[in-house]
């Protein structure tokens, strides 16, 4: 990471000592070499936890999901991910509902070089899952037009790679 991620993680960890922190070094994410899915799969490969929750640095969690991470029949929980963007103006917020909190060791793999999601393999999808009605994720990755354009330029080669083009 070349931004403030390391500092933010350590500050968060100091504020939440009940959370175990594991930092796993990974290659640089590059099209046709190492995708966002590769980074996510590497990041969970050595975890020894019952549950895994994933969130990006341009997202924030609203609500308390800790009460859901307990023994039960569910393999994952789907959380509404609200995409806030400046363009196109006037359109409603786009909402995805991926499995964001999932049980470790039951076959979840991240798929997609870009716009990646964890899915239960081999069938795909969230497995036995429940939608969380009181937890949300806000995604603020496209706060202005310049950022949106730069993300599009960054993402395009990953989309080509994902769809077998070039």
N, C-alpha and C. Protein backbone atom coordinates (compact mmCIF):
# COMPACT_ATOMS: atom_id res chain seq x y z
N UNK A 1 0.83 -1.18 0.00
CA UNK A 1 0.00 0.00 0.00
C UNK A 1 0.88 1.24 0.00
N UNK A 2 0.45 2.24 -0.73
CA UNK A 2 1.21 3.48 -0.79
C UNK A 2 0.46 4.64 -0.15
N UNK A 3 -0.66 4.34 0.49
CA UNK A 3 -1.42 5.41 1.13
C UNK A 3 -1.30 5.30 2.65
N UNK A 4 -2.30 5.68 3.37
CA UNK A 4 -2.28 5.71 4.84
C UNK A 4 -2.80 4.42 5.46
N UNK A 5 -2.96 3.37 4.68
CA UNK A 5 -3.58 2.14 5.16
C UNK A 5 -2.89 1.57 6.39
N UNK A 6 -1.60 1.47 6.38
CA UNK A 6 -0.88 0.88 7.51
C UNK A 6 -1.12 1.68 8.79
N UNK A 7 -1.05 2.99 8.70
CA UNK A 7 -1.28 3.84 9.86
C UNK A 7 -2.71 3.69 10.37
N UNK A 8 -3.67 3.66 9.46
CA UNK A 8 -5.08 3.52 9.84
C UNK A 8 -5.32 2.18 10.51
N UNK A 9 -4.76 1.11 9.96
CA UNK A 9 -4.93 -0.23 10.54
C UNK A 9 -4.38 -0.26 11.96
N UNK A 10 -3.19 0.27 12.16
CA UNK A 10 -2.59 0.23 13.50
C UNK A 10 -3.36 1.10 14.49
N UNK A 11 -3.87 2.23 14.04
CA UNK A 11 -4.69 3.06 14.93
C UNK A 11 -5.98 2.31 15.32
N UNK A 12 -6.61 1.69 14.34
CA UNK A 12 -7.83 0.92 14.61
C UNK A 12 -7.54 -0.22 15.58
N UNK A 13 -6.44 -0.90 15.36
CA UNK A 13 -6.06 -2.03 16.21
C UNK A 13 -5.85 -1.60 17.66
N UNK A 14 -5.22 -0.43 17.85
CA UNK A 14 -5.02 0.09 19.21
C UNK A 14 -6.36 0.40 19.87
N UNK A 15 -7.32 0.87 19.09
CA UNK A 15 -8.64 1.20 19.62
C UNK A 15 -9.50 -0.05 19.85
N UNK A 16 -9.14 -1.16 19.20
CA UNK A 16 -9.92 -2.40 19.29
C UNK A 16 -8.98 -3.58 19.54
N UNK A 17 -8.41 -3.67 20.73
CA UNK A 17 -7.46 -4.75 21.00
C UNK A 17 -8.09 -6.15 20.98
N UNK A 18 -9.41 -6.23 21.00
CA UNK A 18 -10.08 -7.52 20.93
C UNK A 18 -10.02 -8.14 19.53
N UNK A 19 -9.60 -7.34 18.55
CA UNK A 19 -9.52 -7.82 17.18
C UNK A 19 -8.10 -8.27 16.89
N UNK A 20 -7.97 -9.48 16.35
CA UNK A 20 -6.66 -9.99 15.97
C UNK A 20 -6.29 -9.42 14.61
N UNK A 21 -5.10 -8.89 14.51
CA UNK A 21 -4.65 -8.30 13.25
C UNK A 21 -3.58 -9.20 12.63
N UNK A 22 -3.74 -9.48 11.34
CA UNK A 22 -2.76 -10.24 10.59
C UNK A 22 -2.45 -9.45 9.32
N UNK A 23 -1.19 -9.12 9.10
CA UNK A 23 -0.79 -8.43 7.87
C UNK A 23 -0.04 -9.43 7.00
N UNK A 24 -0.53 -9.60 5.78
CA UNK A 24 0.06 -10.54 4.83
C UNK A 24 0.59 -9.74 3.64
N UNK A 25 1.87 -9.81 3.40
CA UNK A 25 2.46 -9.11 2.26
C UNK A 25 1.97 -9.74 0.96
N UNK A 26 1.70 -8.89 -0.02
CA UNK A 26 1.19 -9.37 -1.30
C UNK A 26 1.88 -8.63 -2.44
N UNK A 27 1.95 -9.27 -3.61
CA UNK A 27 2.50 -8.56 -4.78
C UNK A 27 1.61 -7.37 -5.15
N UNK A 28 2.16 -6.48 -5.94
CA UNK A 28 1.38 -5.35 -6.43
C UNK A 28 0.27 -5.87 -7.33
N UNK A 29 -0.91 -5.30 -7.20
CA UNK A 29 -2.03 -5.67 -8.07
C UNK A 29 -1.78 -5.07 -9.44
N UNK A 30 -1.69 -5.96 -10.46
CA UNK A 30 -1.42 -5.55 -11.83
C UNK A 30 -2.23 -6.40 -12.79
N UNK A 31 -2.79 -5.78 -13.84
CA UNK A 31 -3.54 -6.55 -14.82
C UNK A 31 -2.70 -7.66 -15.44
N UNK A 32 -3.30 -8.79 -15.67
CA UNK A 32 -2.69 -9.97 -16.30
C UNK A 32 -1.62 -10.64 -15.43
N UNK A 33 -1.44 -10.15 -14.18
CA UNK A 33 -0.44 -10.74 -13.29
C UNK A 33 -1.03 -11.12 -11.94
N UNK A 34 -1.66 -10.16 -11.28
CA UNK A 34 -2.14 -10.37 -9.91
C UNK A 34 -3.36 -9.48 -9.72
N UNK A 35 -4.54 -10.11 -9.71
CA UNK A 35 -5.79 -9.35 -9.64
C UNK A 35 -6.25 -9.08 -8.23
N UNK A 36 -7.32 -8.33 -8.12
CA UNK A 36 -7.92 -8.04 -6.82
C UNK A 36 -8.41 -9.33 -6.16
N UNK A 37 -8.89 -10.28 -6.95
CA UNK A 37 -9.30 -11.57 -6.40
C UNK A 37 -8.10 -12.33 -5.83
N UNK A 38 -6.97 -12.29 -6.53
CA UNK A 38 -5.76 -12.95 -6.03
C UNK A 38 -5.34 -12.37 -4.68
N UNK A 39 -5.41 -11.03 -4.57
CA UNK A 39 -5.03 -10.38 -3.31
C UNK A 39 -5.97 -10.78 -2.19
N UNK A 40 -7.25 -10.82 -2.45
CA UNK A 40 -8.22 -11.21 -1.41
C UNK A 40 -8.02 -12.67 -1.00
N UNK A 41 -7.82 -13.55 -1.97
CA UNK A 41 -7.62 -14.96 -1.63
C UNK A 41 -6.34 -15.16 -0.82
N UNK A 42 -5.29 -14.43 -1.19
CA UNK A 42 -4.06 -14.51 -0.40
C UNK A 42 -4.30 -13.98 1.01
N UNK A 43 -5.07 -12.91 1.13
CA UNK A 43 -5.28 -12.29 2.44
C UNK A 43 -6.01 -13.19 3.43
N UNK A 44 -6.80 -14.13 2.95
CA UNK A 44 -7.52 -15.03 3.87
C UNK A 44 -6.86 -16.40 3.98
N UNK A 45 -5.82 -16.65 3.20
CA UNK A 45 -5.25 -18.00 3.09
C UNK A 45 -4.67 -18.54 4.40
N UNK A 46 -4.21 -17.67 5.27
CA UNK A 46 -3.58 -18.15 6.51
C UNK A 46 -4.37 -17.79 7.75
N UNK A 47 -5.61 -17.33 7.56
CA UNK A 47 -6.41 -16.95 8.72
C UNK A 47 -6.90 -18.19 9.47
N UNK A 48 -6.85 -18.12 10.76
CA UNK A 48 -7.33 -19.19 11.62
C UNK A 48 -8.46 -18.61 12.47
N UNK A 49 -9.55 -18.24 11.82
CA UNK A 49 -10.70 -17.63 12.49
C UNK A 49 -11.95 -18.39 12.11
N UNK A 50 -13.00 -18.19 12.87
CA UNK A 50 -14.28 -18.81 12.53
C UNK A 50 -14.99 -18.05 11.41
N UNK A 51 -14.87 -16.72 11.43
CA UNK A 51 -15.56 -15.87 10.47
C UNK A 51 -14.56 -14.92 9.82
N UNK A 52 -14.87 -14.50 8.58
CA UNK A 52 -14.07 -13.52 7.86
C UNK A 52 -15.01 -12.41 7.40
N UNK A 53 -14.61 -11.17 7.67
CA UNK A 53 -15.34 -10.00 7.20
C UNK A 53 -14.40 -9.21 6.30
N UNK A 54 -14.86 -8.86 5.11
CA UNK A 54 -14.00 -8.07 4.22
C UNK A 54 -14.63 -6.73 3.88
N UNK A 55 -13.76 -5.71 3.86
CA UNK A 55 -14.19 -4.36 3.57
C UNK A 55 -13.00 -3.63 2.95
N UNK A 56 -13.26 -2.70 2.05
CA UNK A 56 -12.21 -1.93 1.39
C UNK A 56 -11.94 -0.62 2.12
N UNK A 57 -10.83 0.01 1.78
CA UNK A 57 -10.46 1.26 2.43
C UNK A 57 -11.35 2.43 2.01
N UNK A 58 -12.08 2.29 0.89
CA UNK A 58 -12.99 3.36 0.49
C UNK A 58 -14.44 3.02 0.85
N UNK A 59 -14.60 2.18 1.88
CA UNK A 59 -15.92 1.79 2.37
C UNK A 59 -15.97 2.01 3.88
N UNK A 60 -17.17 2.13 4.40
CA UNK A 60 -17.33 2.23 5.84
C UNK A 60 -18.52 1.39 6.27
N UNK A 61 -18.42 0.83 7.46
CA UNK A 61 -19.42 -0.06 8.02
C UNK A 61 -20.37 0.73 8.91
N UNK A 62 -21.66 0.51 8.74
CA UNK A 62 -22.69 1.10 9.59
C UNK A 62 -23.46 -0.05 10.21
N UNK A 63 -23.47 -0.10 11.53
CA UNK A 63 -24.15 -1.18 12.24
C UNK A 63 -23.13 -2.10 12.90
N UNK A 64 -23.63 -2.98 13.74
CA UNK A 64 -22.78 -3.89 14.51
C UNK A 64 -23.03 -5.32 14.06
N UNK A 65 -22.06 -5.89 13.37
CA UNK A 65 -22.25 -7.25 12.86
C UNK A 65 -21.73 -8.33 13.81
N UNK A 66 -21.12 -7.93 14.92
CA UNK A 66 -20.53 -8.91 15.84
C UNK A 66 -21.55 -9.91 16.36
N UNK A 67 -22.80 -9.49 16.55
CA UNK A 67 -23.80 -10.40 17.09
C UNK A 67 -24.12 -11.55 16.14
N UNK A 68 -23.76 -11.40 14.86
CA UNK A 68 -24.04 -12.44 13.88
C UNK A 68 -22.93 -13.49 13.78
N UNK A 69 -21.73 -13.15 14.21
CA UNK A 69 -20.58 -14.05 14.08
C UNK A 69 -20.59 -15.02 15.27
N UNK A 70 -21.46 -16.01 15.18
CA UNK A 70 -21.64 -16.99 16.25
C UNK A 70 -22.01 -18.33 15.63
N UNK A 71 -21.96 -19.40 16.41
CA UNK A 71 -22.37 -20.70 15.88
C UNK A 71 -23.85 -20.67 15.45
N UNK A 72 -24.11 -21.08 14.23
CA UNK A 72 -25.46 -21.16 13.68
C UNK A 72 -25.41 -21.92 12.36
N UNK A 73 -26.49 -21.94 11.63
CA UNK A 73 -26.56 -22.71 10.37
C UNK A 73 -26.07 -21.93 9.16
N UNK A 74 -25.80 -20.63 9.30
CA UNK A 74 -25.46 -19.80 8.15
C UNK A 74 -23.99 -19.93 7.76
N UNK A 75 -23.76 -19.91 6.43
CA UNK A 75 -22.39 -19.93 5.91
C UNK A 75 -21.89 -18.52 5.62
N UNK A 76 -22.83 -17.60 5.40
CA UNK A 76 -22.44 -16.22 5.15
C UNK A 76 -23.60 -15.29 5.47
N UNK A 77 -23.26 -14.02 5.50
CA UNK A 77 -24.27 -12.96 5.64
C UNK A 77 -24.06 -11.97 4.52
N UNK A 78 -25.15 -11.58 3.88
CA UNK A 78 -25.10 -10.57 2.83
C UNK A 78 -25.37 -9.21 3.46
N UNK A 79 -24.58 -8.23 3.07
CA UNK A 79 -24.69 -6.88 3.60
C UNK A 79 -24.89 -5.91 2.44
N UNK A 80 -25.88 -5.03 2.55
CA UNK A 80 -26.12 -4.05 1.49
C UNK A 80 -24.91 -3.12 1.37
N UNK A 81 -24.41 -3.04 0.15
CA UNK A 81 -23.28 -2.16 -0.16
C UNK A 81 -23.82 -1.04 -1.03
N UNK A 82 -23.85 0.18 -0.49
CA UNK A 82 -24.39 1.36 -1.17
C UNK A 82 -23.25 2.08 -1.88
N UNK A 83 -23.38 2.24 -3.20
CA UNK A 83 -22.35 2.90 -3.99
C UNK A 83 -22.75 4.38 -4.18
N UNK A 84 -21.98 5.26 -3.56
CA UNK A 84 -22.23 6.69 -3.70
C UNK A 84 -21.28 7.24 -4.76
N UNK A 85 -21.85 7.90 -5.74
CA UNK A 85 -21.05 8.41 -6.84
C UNK A 85 -21.62 9.75 -7.31
N UNK A 86 -20.78 10.58 -7.89
CA UNK A 86 -21.24 11.87 -8.39
C UNK A 86 -21.86 11.75 -9.77
N UNK A 87 -21.59 10.68 -10.47
CA UNK A 87 -22.10 10.53 -11.83
C UNK A 87 -22.79 9.19 -11.98
N UNK A 88 -23.83 9.03 -12.72
CA UNK A 88 -24.60 10.12 -13.31
C UNK A 88 -25.52 10.77 -12.27
N UNK A 89 -25.57 12.07 -12.30
CA UNK A 89 -26.37 12.83 -11.33
C UNK A 89 -27.85 12.47 -11.42
N UNK A 90 -28.47 12.40 -10.26
CA UNK A 90 -29.91 12.16 -10.23
C UNK A 90 -30.30 10.69 -10.21
N UNK A 91 -29.38 9.80 -10.51
CA UNK A 91 -29.73 8.38 -10.48
C UNK A 91 -29.74 7.89 -9.04
N UNK A 92 -30.57 6.90 -8.74
CA UNK A 92 -30.58 6.37 -7.38
C UNK A 92 -29.26 5.65 -7.07
N UNK A 93 -28.94 5.56 -5.77
CA UNK A 93 -27.74 4.86 -5.33
C UNK A 93 -27.82 3.39 -5.75
N UNK A 94 -26.74 2.87 -6.28
CA UNK A 94 -26.66 1.46 -6.66
C UNK A 94 -26.36 0.64 -5.41
N UNK A 95 -27.07 -0.47 -5.23
CA UNK A 95 -26.87 -1.31 -4.05
C UNK A 95 -26.56 -2.74 -4.48
N UNK A 96 -25.42 -3.26 -4.01
CA UNK A 96 -25.07 -4.67 -4.16
C UNK A 96 -25.30 -5.35 -2.83
N UNK A 97 -25.48 -6.67 -2.84
CA UNK A 97 -25.65 -7.43 -1.60
C UNK A 97 -24.75 -8.67 -1.61
N UNK A 98 -23.44 -8.46 -1.58
CA UNK A 98 -22.53 -9.61 -1.58
C UNK A 98 -22.38 -10.22 -0.18
N UNK A 99 -21.86 -11.44 -0.15
CA UNK A 99 -21.51 -12.08 1.12
C UNK A 99 -20.26 -11.38 1.64
N UNK A 100 -20.41 -10.57 2.68
CA UNK A 100 -19.29 -9.81 3.23
C UNK A 100 -18.76 -10.42 4.52
N UNK A 101 -19.60 -11.13 5.24
CA UNK A 101 -19.19 -11.85 6.44
C UNK A 101 -19.47 -13.31 6.17
N UNK A 102 -18.40 -14.12 6.14
CA UNK A 102 -18.61 -15.52 5.80
C UNK A 102 -17.77 -16.42 6.69
N UNK A 103 -18.23 -17.65 6.79
CA UNK A 103 -17.57 -18.64 7.64
C UNK A 103 -16.27 -19.11 6.97
N UNK A 104 -15.23 -19.17 7.73
CA UNK A 104 -13.93 -19.63 7.25
C UNK A 104 -13.94 -21.16 7.15
N UNK A 105 -13.26 -21.69 6.14
CA UNK A 105 -13.07 -23.13 6.02
C UNK A 105 -14.21 -23.91 5.40
N UNK A 106 -15.18 -23.21 4.79
CA UNK A 106 -16.29 -23.93 4.15
C UNK A 106 -16.30 -23.74 2.64
N UNK A 107 -15.18 -23.24 2.06
CA UNK A 107 -15.04 -23.22 0.62
C UNK A 107 -15.27 -21.88 -0.06
N UNK A 108 -15.17 -20.77 0.65
CA UNK A 108 -15.34 -19.47 -0.01
C UNK A 108 -14.06 -19.08 -0.72
N UNK A 109 -14.22 -18.60 -1.96
CA UNK A 109 -13.13 -18.13 -2.80
C UNK A 109 -13.55 -16.82 -3.44
N UNK A 110 -12.62 -15.91 -3.55
CA UNK A 110 -12.90 -14.65 -4.20
C UNK A 110 -12.78 -14.84 -5.71
N UNK A 111 -13.77 -14.34 -6.44
CA UNK A 111 -13.80 -14.48 -7.89
C UNK A 111 -13.93 -13.11 -8.53
N UNK A 112 -13.22 -12.93 -9.65
CA UNK A 112 -13.28 -11.70 -10.42
C UNK A 112 -12.04 -10.86 -10.22
N UNK A 113 -11.29 -10.63 -11.30
CA UNK A 113 -10.06 -9.84 -11.21
C UNK A 113 -10.36 -8.40 -10.77
N UNK A 114 -11.58 -7.93 -11.05
CA UNK A 114 -12.05 -6.60 -10.66
C UNK A 114 -13.52 -6.75 -10.28
N UNK A 115 -14.00 -5.92 -9.42
CA UNK A 115 -15.38 -6.01 -8.90
C UNK A 115 -15.62 -7.40 -8.31
N UNK A 116 -14.66 -7.83 -7.54
CA UNK A 116 -14.60 -9.18 -7.01
C UNK A 116 -15.54 -9.39 -5.83
N UNK A 117 -15.97 -10.66 -5.66
CA UNK A 117 -16.82 -11.06 -4.55
C UNK A 117 -16.42 -12.45 -4.09
N UNK A 118 -16.60 -12.71 -2.80
CA UNK A 118 -16.39 -14.06 -2.29
C UNK A 118 -17.64 -14.89 -2.56
N UNK A 119 -17.43 -16.13 -3.03
CA UNK A 119 -18.51 -17.05 -3.32
C UNK A 119 -18.16 -18.42 -2.80
N UNK A 120 -19.18 -19.18 -2.45
CA UNK A 120 -18.98 -20.55 -2.00
C UNK A 120 -18.80 -21.43 -3.23
N UNK A 121 -17.72 -22.16 -3.25
CA UNK A 121 -17.40 -22.99 -4.41
C UNK A 121 -17.76 -24.44 -4.11
N UNK A 122 -18.09 -25.26 -5.10
CA UNK A 122 -17.96 -24.97 -6.53
C UNK A 122 -19.18 -24.30 -7.15
N UNK A 123 -20.30 -24.24 -6.45
CA UNK A 123 -21.53 -23.75 -7.08
C UNK A 123 -21.61 -22.24 -7.26
N UNK A 124 -20.82 -21.48 -6.52
CA UNK A 124 -20.89 -20.03 -6.59
C UNK A 124 -21.98 -19.49 -5.67
N UNK A 125 -22.08 -18.21 -5.59
CA UNK A 125 -23.08 -17.58 -4.74
C UNK A 125 -22.68 -17.56 -3.28
N UNK A 126 -23.60 -17.10 -2.41
CA UNK A 126 -23.26 -16.90 -1.00
C UNK A 126 -23.42 -18.13 -0.11
N UNK A 127 -23.79 -19.29 -0.68
CA UNK A 127 -24.05 -20.45 0.16
C UNK A 127 -25.31 -20.24 0.98
N UNK A 128 -25.45 -20.95 2.11
CA UNK A 128 -26.59 -20.73 3.01
C UNK A 128 -26.38 -19.37 3.67
N UNK A 129 -27.19 -18.42 3.29
CA UNK A 129 -26.92 -17.04 3.65
C UNK A 129 -28.17 -16.34 4.15
N UNK A 130 -27.93 -15.29 4.92
CA UNK A 130 -29.01 -14.44 5.40
C UNK A 130 -28.63 -13.00 5.12
N UNK A 131 -29.61 -12.20 4.73
CA UNK A 131 -29.41 -10.78 4.50
C UNK A 131 -29.50 -10.06 5.84
N UNK A 132 -28.51 -9.23 6.15
CA UNK A 132 -28.52 -8.49 7.41
C UNK A 132 -29.33 -7.20 7.25
N UNK A 133 -30.44 -7.07 7.99
CA UNK A 133 -31.31 -5.91 7.83
C UNK A 133 -30.82 -4.65 8.54
N UNK A 134 -29.85 -4.79 9.45
CA UNK A 134 -29.44 -3.66 10.28
C UNK A 134 -27.95 -3.32 10.17
N UNK A 135 -27.32 -3.78 9.09
CA UNK A 135 -25.91 -3.50 8.84
C UNK A 135 -25.78 -3.08 7.37
N UNK A 136 -25.00 -2.03 7.12
CA UNK A 136 -24.80 -1.53 5.76
C UNK A 136 -23.34 -1.18 5.55
N UNK A 137 -22.95 -1.13 4.29
CA UNK A 137 -21.61 -0.67 3.91
C UNK A 137 -21.79 0.47 2.91
N UNK A 138 -21.14 1.59 3.19
CA UNK A 138 -21.14 2.72 2.26
C UNK A 138 -19.85 2.70 1.46
N UNK A 139 -19.96 2.76 0.14
CA UNK A 139 -18.80 2.78 -0.76
C UNK A 139 -18.70 4.16 -1.37
N UNK A 140 -17.63 4.87 -1.01
CA UNK A 140 -17.46 6.25 -1.47
C UNK A 140 -16.33 6.36 -2.49
N UNK A 141 -16.14 5.33 -3.28
CA UNK A 141 -14.99 5.25 -4.18
C UNK A 141 -15.01 6.20 -5.36
N UNK A 142 -16.13 6.86 -5.63
CA UNK A 142 -16.23 7.71 -6.81
C UNK A 142 -16.76 9.08 -6.40
N UNK A 143 -16.00 9.78 -5.55
CA UNK A 143 -16.49 11.02 -4.94
C UNK A 143 -16.51 12.22 -5.88
N UNK A 144 -15.74 12.16 -6.96
CA UNK A 144 -15.80 13.23 -7.96
C UNK A 144 -15.46 12.65 -9.32
N UNK A 145 -15.66 13.44 -10.35
CA UNK A 145 -15.48 12.96 -11.71
C UNK A 145 -14.04 12.55 -12.00
N UNK A 146 -13.07 13.27 -11.47
CA UNK A 146 -11.66 12.93 -11.70
C UNK A 146 -11.35 11.55 -11.11
N UNK A 147 -11.83 11.27 -9.91
CA UNK A 147 -11.60 9.97 -9.28
C UNK A 147 -12.31 8.87 -10.08
N UNK A 148 -13.55 9.15 -10.50
CA UNK A 148 -14.30 8.15 -11.28
C UNK A 148 -13.56 7.80 -12.56
N UNK A 149 -13.04 8.81 -13.27
CA UNK A 149 -12.31 8.55 -14.51
C UNK A 149 -11.02 7.78 -14.25
N UNK A 150 -10.31 8.13 -13.19
CA UNK A 150 -9.06 7.42 -12.90
C UNK A 150 -9.33 5.97 -12.54
N UNK A 151 -10.41 5.70 -11.82
CA UNK A 151 -10.77 4.32 -11.50
C UNK A 151 -11.15 3.54 -12.76
N UNK A 152 -11.87 4.20 -13.67
CA UNK A 152 -12.23 3.55 -14.92
C UNK A 152 -10.97 3.17 -15.70
N UNK A 153 -10.02 4.09 -15.79
CA UNK A 153 -8.77 3.81 -16.50
C UNK A 153 -7.99 2.69 -15.82
N UNK A 154 -7.98 2.67 -14.49
CA UNK A 154 -7.30 1.59 -13.75
C UNK A 154 -8.02 0.25 -13.97
N UNK A 155 -9.35 0.28 -13.98
CA UNK A 155 -10.13 -0.96 -14.02
C UNK A 155 -10.23 -1.59 -15.41
N UNK A 156 -10.11 -0.80 -16.46
CA UNK A 156 -10.35 -1.32 -17.81
C UNK A 156 -9.47 -2.53 -18.16
N UNK A 157 -8.15 -2.51 -17.92
CA UNK A 157 -7.34 -3.70 -18.24
C UNK A 157 -7.76 -4.93 -17.41
N UNK A 158 -8.22 -4.71 -16.18
CA UNK A 158 -8.70 -5.84 -15.36
C UNK A 158 -9.97 -6.44 -15.95
N UNK A 159 -10.85 -5.58 -16.47
CA UNK A 159 -12.07 -6.07 -17.11
C UNK A 159 -11.73 -6.87 -18.37
N UNK A 160 -10.78 -6.37 -19.17
CA UNK A 160 -10.35 -7.11 -20.35
C UNK A 160 -9.79 -8.47 -19.95
N UNK A 161 -8.96 -8.50 -18.93
CA UNK A 161 -8.36 -9.74 -18.45
C UNK A 161 -9.45 -10.69 -17.96
N UNK A 162 -10.39 -10.17 -17.22
CA UNK A 162 -11.46 -11.00 -16.67
C UNK A 162 -12.30 -11.64 -17.75
N UNK A 163 -12.48 -10.93 -18.85
CA UNK A 163 -13.34 -11.42 -19.93
C UNK A 163 -12.54 -12.05 -21.06
N UNK A 164 -11.25 -12.29 -20.82
CA UNK A 164 -10.42 -13.01 -21.77
C UNK A 164 -10.06 -12.24 -23.02
N UNK A 165 -10.13 -10.92 -22.96
CA UNK A 165 -9.80 -10.12 -24.13
C UNK A 165 -8.34 -9.70 -24.10
N UNK A 166 -7.87 -9.19 -25.20
CA UNK A 166 -6.52 -8.68 -25.40
C UNK A 166 -5.47 -9.71 -25.58
